[in-house]
Protein backbone atom coordinates (compact mmCIF):
# COMPACT_ATOMS: atom_id res chain seq x y z
CA MET A 1 26.18 109.91 -87.81
CA ARG A 2 27.45 108.60 -91.14
CA ILE A 3 29.22 105.74 -89.47
CA ASN A 4 26.17 104.81 -87.52
CA PHE A 5 24.03 105.00 -90.63
CA GLN A 6 26.33 102.67 -92.53
CA ILE A 7 26.26 100.23 -89.67
CA LEU A 8 22.50 100.31 -89.67
CA ASN A 9 22.46 99.66 -93.42
CA ILE A 10 24.74 96.71 -92.97
CA SER A 11 22.54 95.35 -90.18
CA PHE A 12 19.47 95.81 -92.33
CA LEU A 13 21.10 93.94 -95.20
CA GLN A 14 22.12 91.15 -92.88
CA SER A 15 18.57 90.86 -91.56
CA SER A 16 17.18 90.80 -95.06
CA MET A 17 19.53 88.00 -96.09
CA THR A 18 18.56 86.03 -93.02
CA ILE A 19 14.86 86.29 -93.90
CA ILE A 20 15.56 85.28 -97.51
CA LEU A 21 17.62 82.28 -96.44
CA LEU A 22 14.94 81.21 -93.94
CA PHE A 23 12.27 81.47 -96.63
CA MET A 24 14.40 79.42 -99.01
CA SER A 25 14.91 76.83 -96.27
CA MET A 26 11.15 76.62 -95.73
CA GLN A 27 10.59 76.20 -99.43
CA ILE A 28 13.10 73.37 -99.51
CA SER A 29 11.45 71.64 -96.51
CA PHE A 30 8.02 71.96 -98.06
CA SER A 31 9.35 70.57 -101.32
CA GLN A 32 10.87 67.58 -99.53
CA VAL A 33 7.54 66.79 -97.80
CA GLU A 34 5.59 67.23 -101.01
CA ALA A 35 7.96 64.91 -102.79
CA GLN A 36 7.16 62.18 -100.25
CA LEU A 37 3.39 62.55 -100.56
CA GLN A 38 1.47 60.08 -102.71
CA PRO A 39 -2.25 60.41 -103.54
CA ASP A 40 -4.11 60.11 -100.22
CA GLU A 41 -0.92 59.00 -98.46
CA LEU A 42 1.67 60.45 -96.09
CA GLU A 43 4.92 58.52 -95.78
CA PHE A 44 7.55 58.84 -93.06
CA SER A 45 11.09 57.87 -93.96
CA GLU A 46 14.42 57.64 -92.20
CA ALA A 47 17.59 57.98 -94.31
CA GLY A 48 15.51 57.24 -97.36
CA THR A 49 13.98 54.05 -95.90
CA PRO A 50 10.15 54.06 -95.51
CA LYS A 51 9.26 53.52 -91.86
CA ALA A 52 5.55 54.22 -91.71
CA ASN A 53 2.71 55.72 -93.66
CA VAL A 54 -0.75 57.15 -93.17
CA ARG A 55 -3.26 56.38 -95.90
CA TYR A 56 -6.73 57.77 -96.46
CA THR A 57 -9.07 55.65 -98.60
CA GLY A 58 -12.70 56.62 -98.63
CA ILE A 59 -13.70 56.91 -94.97
CA HIS A 60 -10.81 54.76 -93.73
CA LEU A 61 -7.65 56.13 -92.15
CA THR A 62 -4.89 53.53 -91.95
CA ILE A 63 -1.63 53.83 -89.99
CA ASP A 64 1.02 51.29 -90.99
CA ASN A 65 4.39 50.54 -89.48
CA ASN A 66 6.74 49.12 -92.11
CA GLU A 67 9.14 47.68 -89.54
CA THR A 68 8.97 43.90 -89.16
CA ASN A 69 8.71 44.13 -85.37
CA GLY A 70 7.70 47.75 -85.11
CA ASP A 71 4.97 49.24 -82.98
CA VAL A 72 2.26 51.75 -83.79
CA ILE A 73 1.82 53.92 -80.69
CA ILE A 74 -0.88 56.54 -80.17
CA GLN A 75 0.00 58.56 -77.09
CA ALA A 76 -1.35 61.78 -75.62
CA ASN A 77 -1.45 63.65 -72.33
CA ASP A 78 -5.23 63.82 -72.53
CA ASP A 79 -7.97 61.61 -73.97
CA VAL A 80 -7.39 59.66 -77.16
CA THR A 81 -10.63 59.15 -79.10
CA LEU A 82 -11.21 56.61 -81.86
CA ASP A 83 -14.55 57.24 -83.48
CA GLY A 84 -16.21 55.97 -86.63
CA LEU A 85 -19.58 55.94 -88.32
CA ASN A 86 -19.48 52.14 -88.30
CA ASP A 87 -16.81 49.88 -86.82
CA VAL A 88 -13.51 50.95 -85.31
CA ILE A 89 -11.01 48.22 -86.19
CA ILE A 90 -7.58 47.74 -84.64
CA LYS A 91 -5.47 45.10 -86.38
CA ALA A 92 -1.94 43.83 -85.83
CA ASP A 93 0.11 40.87 -86.99
CA ASP A 94 1.56 40.71 -83.48
CA ASP A 95 0.12 41.46 -80.04
CA VAL A 96 -2.18 44.38 -79.21
CA THR A 97 -1.74 46.25 -75.93
CA PHE A 98 -4.01 48.80 -74.23
CA GLY A 99 -2.68 50.77 -71.29
CA THR A 100 -3.30 53.65 -68.92
CA ASP A 101 -0.98 55.40 -66.47
CA ASN A 102 1.97 53.73 -68.21
CA LEU A 103 0.63 50.30 -67.22
CA THR A 104 -0.72 47.54 -69.44
CA ARG A 105 -4.43 47.10 -68.73
CA MET A 106 -5.54 44.78 -71.56
CA PHE A 107 -3.49 42.55 -73.81
CA ILE A 108 -4.46 40.49 -76.87
CA ASN A 109 -1.94 37.96 -78.14
CA GLN A 110 -1.57 36.59 -81.67
CA ASP A 111 -3.84 33.63 -80.86
CA GLY A 112 -6.69 35.96 -79.85
CA ASP A 113 -6.41 35.25 -76.11
CA VAL A 114 -7.37 38.32 -74.09
CA GLY A 115 -5.67 39.17 -70.83
CA ILE A 116 -6.89 41.79 -68.37
CA GLY A 117 -4.13 42.58 -65.91
CA THR A 118 -1.82 40.04 -67.54
CA THR A 119 0.26 39.86 -70.71
CA THR A 120 0.42 36.06 -70.71
CA PRO A 121 -3.21 34.87 -70.97
CA ASP A 122 -3.59 31.10 -71.34
CA ALA A 123 -7.36 31.12 -71.95
CA ASP A 124 -9.76 32.93 -74.26
CA LEU A 125 -10.20 35.47 -71.43
CA GLU A 126 -8.03 35.62 -68.33
CA VAL A 127 -8.42 38.23 -65.60
CA GLN A 128 -5.72 38.82 -63.00
CA LYS A 129 -5.34 41.47 -60.38
CA PHE A 130 -2.42 41.74 -57.99
CA ASN A 131 -3.01 45.00 -56.20
CA THR A 132 -6.39 44.14 -54.64
CA ARG A 133 -7.67 41.32 -52.48
CA ARG A 134 -10.15 39.98 -55.05
CA VAL A 135 -10.97 39.96 -58.73
CA GLU A 136 -14.43 41.13 -59.70
CA MET A 137 -16.58 40.88 -62.80
CA LYS A 138 -19.75 42.88 -62.29
CA VAL A 139 -22.92 43.05 -64.39
CA THR A 140 -25.29 45.88 -63.46
CA ASN A 141 -28.65 46.92 -64.89
CA SER A 142 -29.70 50.39 -63.76
CA ARG A 143 -32.90 50.59 -65.78
CA PRO A 144 -35.99 51.15 -63.60
CA GLU A 145 -38.39 48.77 -65.39
CA PHE A 146 -39.86 46.15 -63.06
CA HIS A 147 -38.92 43.20 -65.23
CA SER A 148 -35.45 44.42 -66.20
CA GLN A 149 -32.80 41.78 -65.60
CA SER A 150 -29.04 41.59 -65.52
CA ALA A 151 -27.46 38.39 -66.77
CA LEU A 152 -24.08 36.89 -67.43
CA ILE A 153 -24.70 34.30 -70.16
CA LEU A 154 -22.07 31.67 -70.89
CA ASN A 155 -23.32 29.48 -73.69
CA SER A 156 -21.98 26.52 -75.61
CA THR A 157 -23.48 25.93 -79.04
CA HIS A 158 -21.15 23.09 -79.98
CA ASN A 159 -23.67 20.39 -79.09
CA ALA A 160 -26.89 21.53 -77.43
CA SER A 161 -27.71 18.04 -76.14
CA THR A 162 -24.41 17.64 -74.27
CA SER A 163 -23.25 21.21 -73.76
CA GLU A 164 -21.75 22.02 -70.40
CA LEU A 165 -20.91 25.12 -68.44
CA VAL A 166 -18.13 24.88 -65.88
CA ILE A 167 -17.37 27.56 -63.29
CA LYS A 168 -14.16 26.42 -61.64
CA ASN A 169 -11.31 27.42 -59.39
CA SER A 170 -8.39 25.31 -58.18
CA ASP A 171 -10.41 22.78 -56.20
CA TRP A 172 -14.14 23.15 -56.85
CA ALA A 173 -16.49 23.65 -59.77
CA ILE A 174 -20.11 24.25 -60.69
CA VAL A 175 -21.20 22.30 -63.75
CA ASN A 176 -24.25 22.53 -65.99
CA GLU A 177 -24.25 19.17 -67.79
CA GLY A 178 -26.58 18.44 -70.72
CA ASP A 179 -29.53 20.32 -72.14
CA TRP A 180 -31.48 21.76 -69.21
CA ASP A 181 -34.79 21.45 -71.06
CA GLN A 182 -34.10 17.76 -71.71
CA GLY A 183 -33.28 16.77 -68.14
CA GLY A 184 -29.85 18.32 -67.71
CA ILE A 185 -28.39 18.89 -64.27
CA LEU A 186 -26.68 21.59 -62.28
CA GLY A 187 -23.91 19.94 -60.29
CA PHE A 188 -21.09 20.68 -57.87
CA TYR A 189 -17.83 18.83 -57.45
CA PHE A 190 -14.56 19.27 -55.57
CA ASP A 191 -11.52 17.97 -57.40
CA ASP A 192 -8.44 19.28 -59.16
CA ASP A 193 -9.15 17.05 -62.16
CA GLU A 194 -11.33 18.00 -65.11
CA PHE A 195 -15.01 17.09 -65.01
CA GLN A 196 -15.53 13.79 -66.81
CA SER A 197 -18.99 12.45 -65.98
CA VAL A 198 -21.99 12.83 -63.70
CA SER A 199 -20.40 10.32 -61.30
CA ASP A 200 -17.81 13.00 -60.41
CA LEU A 201 -20.49 15.26 -58.95
CA LYS A 202 -20.98 15.60 -55.21
CA MET A 203 -24.38 17.29 -55.53
CA ARG A 204 -26.89 17.46 -58.40
CA ILE A 205 -29.98 19.60 -58.95
CA ARG A 206 -32.52 18.57 -61.58
CA PRO A 207 -34.91 20.93 -63.42
CA SER A 208 -37.71 19.28 -61.43
CA GLY A 209 -36.12 20.61 -58.24
CA ASN A 210 -34.89 17.21 -57.07
CA VAL A 211 -31.57 17.46 -55.23
CA TRP A 212 -29.10 14.59 -54.94
CA VAL A 213 -26.20 14.64 -52.46
CA GLU A 214 -23.50 11.99 -52.57
CA SER A 215 -22.63 11.93 -48.88
CA GLU A 216 -23.91 13.34 -45.60
CA MET A 217 -26.16 16.38 -45.34
CA SER A 218 -26.63 18.23 -42.05
CA ALA A 219 -29.13 20.90 -41.02
CA ALA A 220 -30.10 22.50 -37.72
CA CYS A 221 -33.75 22.02 -38.66
CA TYR A 222 -35.15 20.14 -41.63
CA GLU A 223 -38.64 20.73 -43.02
CA THR A 224 -40.25 18.85 -45.89
CA ARG A 225 -42.89 20.63 -47.96
CA GLY A 226 -43.58 17.95 -50.56
CA GLY A 227 -44.77 15.00 -48.52
CA CYS A 228 -46.03 13.78 -45.16
CA ASP A 229 -44.54 10.35 -44.47
CA ILE A 230 -41.23 8.55 -44.11
CA VAL A 231 -40.74 5.61 -46.44
CA GLU A 232 -38.28 2.86 -47.24
CA GLY A 233 -38.04 1.09 -50.55
CA PHE A 234 -38.97 -2.58 -50.91
CA ASP A 235 -39.34 -4.97 -53.81
CA THR A 236 -41.92 -7.67 -54.50
CA VAL A 237 -41.48 -10.92 -56.41
CA ASN A 238 -44.52 -11.19 -58.61
CA GLU A 239 -47.28 -8.94 -57.30
CA SER A 240 -48.50 -5.60 -58.59
CA LEU A 241 -48.83 -3.18 -55.71
CA GLU A 242 -50.76 0.11 -55.65
CA PRO A 243 -50.58 3.21 -53.42
CA GLY A 244 -52.74 2.65 -50.35
CA ASP A 245 -52.18 -1.14 -50.22
CA VAL A 246 -51.37 -2.78 -46.89
CA VAL A 247 -48.28 -4.99 -47.27
CA ILE A 248 -46.70 -7.73 -45.21
CA ILE A 249 -43.31 -9.42 -45.06
CA ASP A 250 -42.95 -12.16 -47.71
CA ALA A 251 -41.76 -15.10 -45.61
CA ASP A 252 -40.85 -17.13 -48.68
CA ASN A 253 -38.65 -14.38 -50.15
CA PRO A 254 -36.46 -12.68 -47.51
CA GLY A 255 -36.38 -8.92 -47.80
CA GLN A 256 -39.40 -8.86 -50.14
CA ILE A 257 -42.99 -7.80 -49.50
CA LYS A 258 -46.41 -8.78 -50.71
CA LYS A 259 -50.02 -7.66 -50.34
CA SER A 260 -51.75 -8.59 -47.07
CA THR A 261 -54.59 -11.15 -47.26
CA GLU A 262 -55.25 -12.08 -43.60
CA ALA A 263 -56.87 -10.21 -40.71
CA TYR A 264 -54.63 -9.34 -37.75
CA ASP A 265 -51.51 -10.53 -39.60
CA ARG A 266 -48.44 -9.93 -37.42
CA LYS A 267 -46.24 -9.88 -40.51
CA VAL A 268 -47.83 -6.56 -41.46
CA LEU A 269 -45.11 -4.06 -42.43
CA GLY A 270 -46.75 -0.87 -43.65
CA ILE A 271 -48.66 0.91 -46.40
CA VAL A 272 -47.63 1.71 -49.96
CA SER A 273 -47.19 5.50 -49.96
CA GLY A 274 -48.72 7.89 -52.52
CA ALA A 275 -52.49 7.33 -52.34
CA ASN A 276 -54.88 10.25 -52.72
CA GLY A 277 -52.10 12.66 -53.73
CA ILE A 278 -50.05 12.52 -50.53
CA GLN A 279 -46.44 11.83 -51.44
CA ALA A 280 -43.57 10.68 -49.29
CA GLY A 281 -41.60 13.39 -47.54
CA ILE A 282 -38.43 11.42 -46.80
CA LYS A 283 -37.12 8.19 -48.29
CA LEU A 284 -34.56 6.16 -46.39
CA SER A 285 -32.35 4.04 -48.62
CA GLN A 286 -28.83 3.06 -49.58
CA GLU A 287 -28.32 3.43 -53.30
CA GLY A 288 -27.56 0.14 -54.98
CA VAL A 289 -28.13 -1.84 -51.76
CA LEU A 290 -31.49 -1.01 -50.19
CA ASP A 291 -33.42 1.08 -52.70
CA GLY A 292 -36.49 -0.99 -53.59
CA GLU A 293 -39.16 0.00 -56.08
CA PHE A 294 -42.15 0.43 -53.75
CA PRO A 295 -42.12 3.18 -51.08
CA ILE A 296 -43.52 1.71 -47.87
CA ALA A 297 -44.67 4.21 -45.25
CA MET A 298 -43.00 3.51 -41.92
CA ALA A 299 -44.16 6.68 -40.11
CA GLY A 300 -46.19 9.82 -40.72
CA GLN A 301 -49.51 10.43 -42.48
CA VAL A 302 -50.63 8.34 -45.44
CA TYR A 303 -53.89 7.20 -47.01
CA VAL A 304 -54.72 3.49 -46.74
CA LYS A 305 -57.37 1.31 -48.33
CA VAL A 306 -59.91 0.16 -45.72
CA ASN A 307 -62.93 -2.14 -45.53
CA GLY A 308 -65.89 -1.56 -43.26
CA LYS A 309 -66.74 1.17 -40.80
CA VAL A 310 -63.83 3.24 -39.48
CA THR A 311 -64.05 6.26 -37.17
CA PRO A 312 -61.30 8.75 -36.29
CA GLY A 313 -59.16 7.34 -33.45
CA ASP A 314 -59.65 3.68 -34.42
CA LEU A 315 -56.60 1.46 -34.47
CA LEU A 316 -56.16 -0.18 -37.87
CA THR A 317 -54.89 -3.63 -38.75
CA SER A 318 -54.86 -5.89 -41.79
CA SER A 319 -58.09 -7.45 -43.04
CA SER A 320 -59.07 -10.53 -45.01
CA ILE A 321 -59.56 -8.38 -48.14
CA ALA A 322 -56.26 -8.18 -50.04
CA GLY A 323 -54.37 -4.96 -49.42
CA HIS A 324 -57.07 -3.47 -47.17
CA ALA A 325 -57.05 -2.46 -43.51
CA GLN A 326 -59.89 -2.61 -41.00
CA ALA A 327 -60.66 -1.15 -37.58
CA VAL A 328 -59.37 -3.23 -34.64
CA THR A 329 -62.26 -4.83 -32.75
CA GLU A 330 -60.41 -7.82 -31.26
CA PHE A 331 -57.84 -6.11 -29.10
CA ASN A 332 -56.44 -9.37 -27.72
CA ASN A 333 -55.43 -10.39 -31.23
CA SER A 334 -54.15 -6.98 -32.37
CA HIS A 335 -50.77 -6.96 -30.62
CA GLY A 336 -48.03 -6.77 -33.30
CA SER A 337 -50.51 -6.24 -36.13
CA VAL A 338 -51.54 -2.58 -35.68
CA ILE A 339 -50.38 -0.30 -38.52
CA GLY A 340 -51.62 3.02 -37.15
CA LYS A 341 -54.48 5.21 -35.98
CA ALA A 342 -57.27 6.50 -38.24
CA LEU A 343 -57.51 10.28 -38.68
CA THR A 344 -60.60 10.25 -40.91
CA ALA A 345 -63.69 8.07 -41.24
CA ASN A 346 -65.12 5.47 -43.59
CA GLU A 347 -68.83 4.74 -43.28
CA ASP A 348 -69.08 1.38 -45.01
CA GLY A 349 -67.63 -0.77 -47.78
CA ASN A 350 -64.23 -0.05 -49.31
CA GLY A 351 -62.67 3.42 -49.13
CA LEU A 352 -59.61 5.47 -48.25
CA VAL A 353 -58.78 6.67 -44.74
CA LEU A 354 -55.98 8.99 -43.65
CA VAL A 355 -53.92 7.18 -41.04
CA PHE A 356 -51.05 8.16 -38.81
CA VAL A 357 -48.67 5.21 -39.28
CA ASN A 358 -47.45 3.76 -36.00
CA LEU A 359 -46.57 0.05 -36.11
CA HIS A 360 -47.09 -1.83 -32.88
């Protein structure tokens, strides 16, 4: 029993020494940490060389890496939350990388270019995706209000009068050129080169709704809702023409027209479109070649100036009053001078009659 008791005493003493040594070791460790602490600062060193520090100033917590090319990495197996009463600011002298699942998801280089799915962005914002068949950017508004809208707004404030918006891929682009409120255009072009001028556009849409297409346009069925007649453009030498005037071929000036002045004139060509609010539906022309100033109705419905009594169904021809038509009464003389058939009536004197243009 004595031997066992002595052994137990020795074991007890050994255990006590171990506890004392461990406590002394803890005191030394605590002293080393405390020696590294500055007011509101925690510094991490390696072999006496400062590597990083955490500073608290007011409401700001700053993590610095003292290495020239070092990284500051915040990593966790669960969520990492950065929260602040005002702004949360992440700054770096080099690149900034955001990742999930050990993959880089967003990258910001030193020039401020942002890449999503790429670490080599060559634009202010570049989005790439290699593991799906398409790249999407989606804007959704889930609010139930009737007038709620979702919008993707790309705006240039450099020069409001000449600002442009270009949506482009490798071989086509959509361009908003100029100030829309001041007559700008929405245009489309197909070219690998950069957009230079309106002449590059293959199609243009004006704020008025006018659409211009450079080349052919095909449709299974075409309906006009802004006019009722087909016109071609003609010029005149020295006369002032008005909508509703009857015009003839100017024999002294090839390709020109002038106001009719003779009854049953076989040089009669048509009627100046636009009288009484009825506009042309289709204009046939070749830009820069055959695109005269005055739209002359060649077919369809148009109002014409008339003289004398006209009843619906009457054939109309030129009259001796300048620019006016009259009902055909001398059928033997009317061949080649009829401009159409009256759809409405005129009781007497000068007036306007709706006519279905049909030259014969």
